[in-house]
Amino acid sequence: LWMRNKPYDILIAEDEETDAFFAEQAFSTSDADVHIHIVKDGQEAIDFLENKAPFEGAPRPDLILLDIKMPKKDGHEALSDIKSNTAFSDIPVIMLSSSTAPEDIEKSYKNHANAHVPKAKGLNEMIEFANLVHEFWFVRGCLPEKA
């Protein structure tokens, strides 16, 4: 198995504080060596990627988790911006949503999401998700090296 010896950076765009807290806790208890960065909406996610204030010097994430329903810029809009920008289009994006509506799932993939996953129901499910992300993306899969 291939593993790099640097921590992975995960950007989480989530406006619900409880969900963001669960995600942060879940990844901190998983086997993944990660740094979690949390933003509150899709516009902040784009600002983070572009190192705009207040995110100057923010690292390029290895993986992005995007909630769909957020203020200012929703997850679908942020995903479209990410995947249409050649500087960021290679970063894998997992859409997290309480919606399993076929139109939301289809829109995620049409905008080039790497996955559409229903939101975890509680901390234990989120820990299971974090472990699956670690196993698939950081242990089995190969991600692009950061510049």
C-alpha atoms as a PDB file:
ATOM      1  CA  LEU A   1       0.000   0.000   0.000  1.00  0.00           C
ATOM      2  CA  TRP A   2       1.153   3.488  -0.878  1.00  0.00           C
ATOM      3  CA  MET A   3       1.107   6.138   1.832  1.00  0.00           C
ATOM      4  CA  ARG A   4       2.871   9.433   1.941  1.00  0.00           C
ATOM      5  CA  ASN A   5       4.438  10.515   5.166  1.00  0.00           C
ATOM      6  CA  LYS A   6       2.903  14.008   5.348  1.00  0.00           C
ATOM      7  CA  PRO A   7      -0.432  14.872   6.912  1.00  0.00           C
ATOM      8  CA  TYR A   8      -3.354  15.259   4.544  1.00  0.00           C
ATOM      9  CA  ASP A   9      -5.333  18.505   4.476  1.00  0.00           C
ATOM     10  CA  ILE A  10      -9.110  18.196   4.333  1.00  0.00           C
ATOM     11  CA  LEU A  11     -11.291  21.221   3.671  1.00  0.00           C
ATOM     12  CA  ILE A  12     -14.819  20.868   5.051  1.00  0.00           C
ATOM     13  CA  ALA A  13     -17.481  23.368   3.967  1.00  0.00           C
ATOM     14  CA  GLU A  14     -20.328  22.981   6.437  1.00  0.00           C
ATOM     15  CA  ASP A  15     -22.655  25.636   7.879  1.00  0.00           C
ATOM     16  CA  GLU A  16     -24.128  23.424  10.621  1.00  0.00           C
ATOM     17  CA  GLU A  17     -21.783  23.724  13.624  1.00  0.00           C
ATOM     18  CA  THR A  18     -22.767  20.310  15.035  1.00  0.00           C
ATOM     19  CA  ASP A  19     -22.050  18.543  11.734  1.00  0.00           C
ATOM     20  CA  ALA A  20     -18.716  20.368  11.401  1.00  0.00           C
ATOM     21  CA  PHE A  21     -17.808  19.436  14.985  1.00  0.00           C
ATOM     22  CA  PHE A  22     -18.696  15.752  14.374  1.00  0.00           C
ATOM     23  CA  ALA A  23     -16.584  15.722  11.212  1.00  0.00           C
ATOM     24  CA  GLU A  24     -13.612  17.252  12.998  1.00  0.00           C
ATOM     25  CA  GLN A  25     -13.941  14.807  15.909  1.00  0.00           C
ATOM     26  CA  ALA A  26     -14.397  11.824  13.601  1.00  0.00           C
ATOM     27  CA  PHE A  27     -11.257  12.537  11.590  1.00  0.00           C
ATOM     28  CA  SER A  28      -9.239  13.232  14.742  1.00  0.00           C
ATOM     29  CA  THR A  29     -10.157   9.776  16.075  1.00  0.00           C
ATOM     30  CA  SER A  30      -9.573   7.989  12.751  1.00  0.00           C
ATOM     31  CA  ASP A  31      -6.258   6.499  11.669  1.00  0.00           C
ATOM     32  CA  ALA A  32      -5.793   9.327   9.182  1.00  0.00           C
ATOM     33  CA  ASP A  33      -2.985  11.807   9.736  1.00  0.00           C
ATOM     34  CA  VAL A  34      -4.984  14.891   8.761  1.00  0.00           C
ATOM     35  CA  HIS A  35      -5.341  18.591   9.303  1.00  0.00           C
ATOM     36  CA  ILE A  36      -8.983  19.654   9.183  1.00  0.00           C
ATOM     37  CA  HIS A  37      -9.952  23.103   7.898  1.00  0.00           C
ATOM     38  CA  ILE A  38     -13.577  24.168   8.325  1.00  0.00           C
ATOM     39  CA  VAL A  39     -15.368  26.933   6.456  1.00  0.00           C
ATOM     40  CA  LYS A  40     -19.017  27.923   6.835  1.00  0.00           C
ATOM     41  CA  ASP A  41     -20.197  28.208   3.220  1.00  0.00           C
ATOM     42  CA  GLY A  42     -19.295  27.688  -0.407  1.00  0.00           C
ATOM     43  CA  GLN A  43     -17.914  31.191  -0.853  1.00  0.00           C
ATOM     44  CA  GLU A  44     -15.519  30.687   2.069  1.00  0.00           C
ATOM     45  CA  ALA A  45     -14.436  27.385   0.462  1.00  0.00           C
ATOM     46  CA  ILE A  46     -13.506  29.226  -2.748  1.00  0.00           C
ATOM     47  CA  ASP A  47     -11.784  32.001  -0.758  1.00  0.00           C
ATOM     48  CA  PHE A  48      -9.812  29.313   1.143  1.00  0.00           C
ATOM     49  CA  LEU A  49      -8.681  27.705  -2.121  1.00  0.00           C
ATOM     50  CA  GLU A  50      -7.702  31.083  -3.583  1.00  0.00           C
ATOM     51  CA  ASN A  51      -5.938  32.165  -0.346  1.00  0.00           C
ATOM     52  CA  LYS A  52      -8.146  35.236  -0.066  1.00  0.00           C
ATOM     53  CA  ALA A  53      -8.592  36.997   3.298  1.00  0.00           C
ATOM     54  CA  PRO A  54      -8.878  35.660   5.942  1.00  0.00           C
ATOM     55  CA  PHE A  55      -7.341  32.493   4.433  1.00  0.00           C
ATOM     56  CA  GLU A  56      -3.982  33.853   3.254  1.00  0.00           C
ATOM     57  CA  GLY A  57      -1.416  31.063   3.267  1.00  0.00           C
ATOM     58  CA  ALA A  58      -4.052  28.324   3.577  1.00  0.00           C
ATOM     59  CA  PRO A  59      -2.756  24.961   2.358  1.00  0.00           C
ATOM     60  CA  ARG A  60      -4.051  23.350  -0.797  1.00  0.00           C
ATOM     61  CA  PRO A  61      -6.438  20.641   0.420  1.00  0.00           C
ATOM     62  CA  ASP A  62      -5.973  17.026  -0.617  1.00  0.00           C
ATOM     63  CA  LEU A  63      -9.707  16.411  -0.307  1.00  0.00           C
ATOM     64  CA  ILE A  64     -12.801  18.609  -0.035  1.00  0.00           C
ATOM     65  CA  LEU A  65     -16.052  17.709   1.726  1.00  0.00           C
ATOM     66  CA  LEU A  66     -18.895  19.992   0.634  1.00  0.00           C
ATOM     67  CA  ASP A  67     -22.319  20.283   2.188  1.00  0.00           C
ATOM     68  CA  ILE A  68     -24.951  21.052  -0.443  1.00  0.00           C
ATOM     69  CA  LYS A  69     -27.289  23.368   1.442  1.00  0.00           C
ATOM     70  CA  MET A  70     -25.250  26.348   2.646  1.00  0.00           C
ATOM     71  CA  PRO A  71     -25.738  30.137   2.663  1.00  0.00           C
ATOM     72  CA  LYS A  72     -24.044  32.593   0.260  1.00  0.00           C
ATOM     73  CA  LYS A  73     -22.870  29.921  -2.200  1.00  0.00           C
ATOM     74  CA  ASP A  74     -24.290  26.416  -1.934  1.00  0.00           C
ATOM     75  CA  GLY A  75     -22.294  23.240  -2.416  1.00  0.00           C
ATOM     76  CA  HIS A  76     -23.356  22.743  -6.031  1.00  0.00           C
ATOM     77  CA  GLU A  77     -22.235  26.279  -6.940  1.00  0.00           C
ATOM     78  CA  ALA A  78     -18.932  25.845  -5.082  1.00  0.00           C
ATOM     79  CA  LEU A  79     -18.382  22.455  -6.751  1.00  0.00           C
ATOM     80  CA  SER A  80     -18.975  23.976 -10.178  1.00  0.00           C
ATOM     81  CA  ASP A  81     -16.459  26.758  -9.396  1.00  0.00           C
ATOM     82  CA  ILE A  82     -13.878  24.257  -8.123  1.00  0.00           C
ATOM     83  CA  LYS A  83     -14.172  21.855 -11.045  1.00  0.00           C
ATOM     84  CA  SER A  84     -14.142  24.631 -13.675  1.00  0.00           C
ATOM     85  CA  ASN A  85     -10.901  26.128 -12.301  1.00  0.00           C
ATOM     86  CA  THR A  86      -7.861  24.240 -13.594  1.00  0.00           C
ATOM     87  CA  ALA A  87      -5.911  25.209 -10.447  1.00  0.00           C
ATOM     88  CA  PHE A  88      -8.304  23.152  -8.294  1.00  0.00           C
ATOM     89  CA  SER A  89     -10.174  20.791 -10.627  1.00  0.00           C
ATOM     90  CA  ASP A  90      -7.965  17.832  -9.688  1.00  0.00           C
ATOM     91  CA  ILE A  91      -8.865  18.006  -5.974  1.00  0.00           C
ATOM     92  CA  PRO A  92     -11.346  15.228  -5.141  1.00  0.00           C
ATOM     93  CA  VAL A  93     -14.667  16.543  -3.834  1.00  0.00           C
ATOM     94  CA  ILE A  94     -17.166  14.528  -1.810  1.00  0.00           C
ATOM     95  CA  MET A  95     -20.630  16.045  -1.594  1.00  0.00           C
ATOM     96  CA  LEU A  96     -22.233  15.508   1.816  1.00  0.00           C
ATOM     97  CA  SER A  97     -25.945  16.037   1.992  1.00  0.00           C
ATOM     98  CA  SER A  98     -29.031  15.260   3.981  1.00  0.00           C
ATOM     99  CA  SER A  99     -30.665  15.032   0.552  1.00  0.00           C
ATOM    100  CA  THR A 100     -30.789  11.771  -1.340  1.00  0.00           C
ATOM    101  CA  ALA A 101     -33.081  13.333  -3.942  1.00  0.00           C
ATOM    102  CA  PRO A 102     -32.191  11.952  -7.376  1.00  0.00           C
ATOM    103  CA  GLU A 103     -31.839  15.475  -8.793  1.00  0.00           C
ATOM    104  CA  ASP A 104     -29.275  16.444  -6.124  1.00  0.00           C
ATOM    105  CA  ILE A 105     -27.283  13.262  -6.704  1.00  0.00           C
ATOM    106  CA  GLU A 106     -27.386  13.738 -10.480  1.00  0.00           C
ATOM    107  CA  LYS A 107     -26.376  17.412 -10.164  1.00  0.00           C
ATOM    108  CA  SER A 108     -23.402  16.445  -7.983  1.00  0.00           C
ATOM    109  CA  TYR A 109     -22.054  14.038 -10.590  1.00  0.00           C
ATOM    110  CA  LYS A 110     -22.852  16.305 -13.547  1.00  0.00           C
ATOM    111  CA  ASN A 111     -20.716  18.945 -11.801  1.00  0.00           C
ATOM    112  CA  HIS A 112     -17.912  16.347 -11.509  1.00  0.00           C
ATOM    113  CA  ALA A 113     -18.161  15.428  -7.823  1.00  0.00           C
ATOM    114  CA  ASN A 114     -16.074  12.393  -6.941  1.00  0.00           C
ATOM    115  CA  ALA A 115     -18.834  11.101  -4.652  1.00  0.00           C
ATOM    116  CA  HIS A 116     -22.234  12.026  -3.214  1.00  0.00           C
ATOM    117  CA  VAL A 117     -22.670  10.670   0.306  1.00  0.00           C
ATOM    118  CA  PRO A 118     -25.632  11.034   2.681  1.00  0.00           C
ATOM    119  CA  LYS A 119     -24.673  12.916   5.836  1.00  0.00           C
ATOM    120  CA  ALA A 120     -23.848  10.782   8.840  1.00  0.00           C
ATOM    121  CA  LYS A 121     -26.496  10.526  11.530  1.00  0.00           C
ATOM    122  CA  GLY A 122     -24.410  11.144  14.621  1.00  0.00           C
ATOM    123  CA  LEU A 123     -20.799  10.849  15.687  1.00  0.00           C
ATOM    124  CA  ASN A 124     -20.479   7.052  15.336  1.00  0.00           C
ATOM    125  CA  GLU A 125     -21.598   7.129  11.691  1.00  0.00           C
ATOM    126  CA  MET A 126     -19.250  10.044  11.038  1.00  0.00           C
ATOM    127  CA  ILE A 127     -16.335   8.112  12.556  1.00  0.00           C
ATOM    128  CA  GLU A 128     -17.179   5.187  10.259  1.00  0.00           C
ATOM    129  CA  PHE A 129     -17.248   7.595   7.281  1.00  0.00           C
ATOM    130  CA  ALA A 130     -13.889   9.131   8.322  1.00  0.00           C
ATOM    131  CA  ASN A 131     -12.338   5.669   8.501  1.00  0.00           C
ATOM    132  CA  LEU A 132     -13.711   4.799   5.053  1.00  0.00           C
ATOM    133  CA  VAL A 133     -12.361   8.065   3.617  1.00  0.00           C
ATOM    134  CA  HIS A 134      -8.982   7.330   5.188  1.00  0.00           C
ATOM    135  CA  GLU A 135      -8.882   3.786   3.818  1.00  0.00           C
ATOM    136  CA  PHE A 136     -10.024   4.695   0.296  1.00  0.00           C
ATOM    137  CA  TRP A 137      -8.421   8.091  -0.356  1.00  0.00           C
ATOM    138  CA  PHE A 138      -5.317   8.002   1.843  1.00  0.00           C
ATOM    139  CA  VAL A 139      -4.346   4.308   1.927  1.00  0.00           C
ATOM    140  CA  ARG A 140      -5.679   2.600  -1.218  1.00  0.00           C
ATOM    141  CA  GLY A 141      -5.961   5.594  -3.529  1.00  0.00           C
ATOM    142  CA  CYS A 142      -3.242   7.885  -4.807  1.00  0.00           C
ATOM    143  CA  LEU A 143      -3.774  11.627  -4.609  1.00  0.00           C
ATOM    144  CA  PRO A 144      -1.844  14.268  -6.542  1.00  0.00           C
ATOM    145  CA  GLU A 145       1.187  15.609  -4.705  1.00  0.00           C
ATOM    146  CA  LYS A 146       0.971  19.220  -3.625  1.00  0.00           C
ATOM    147  CA  ALA A 147       3.133  21.738  -5.427  1.00  0.00           C
END
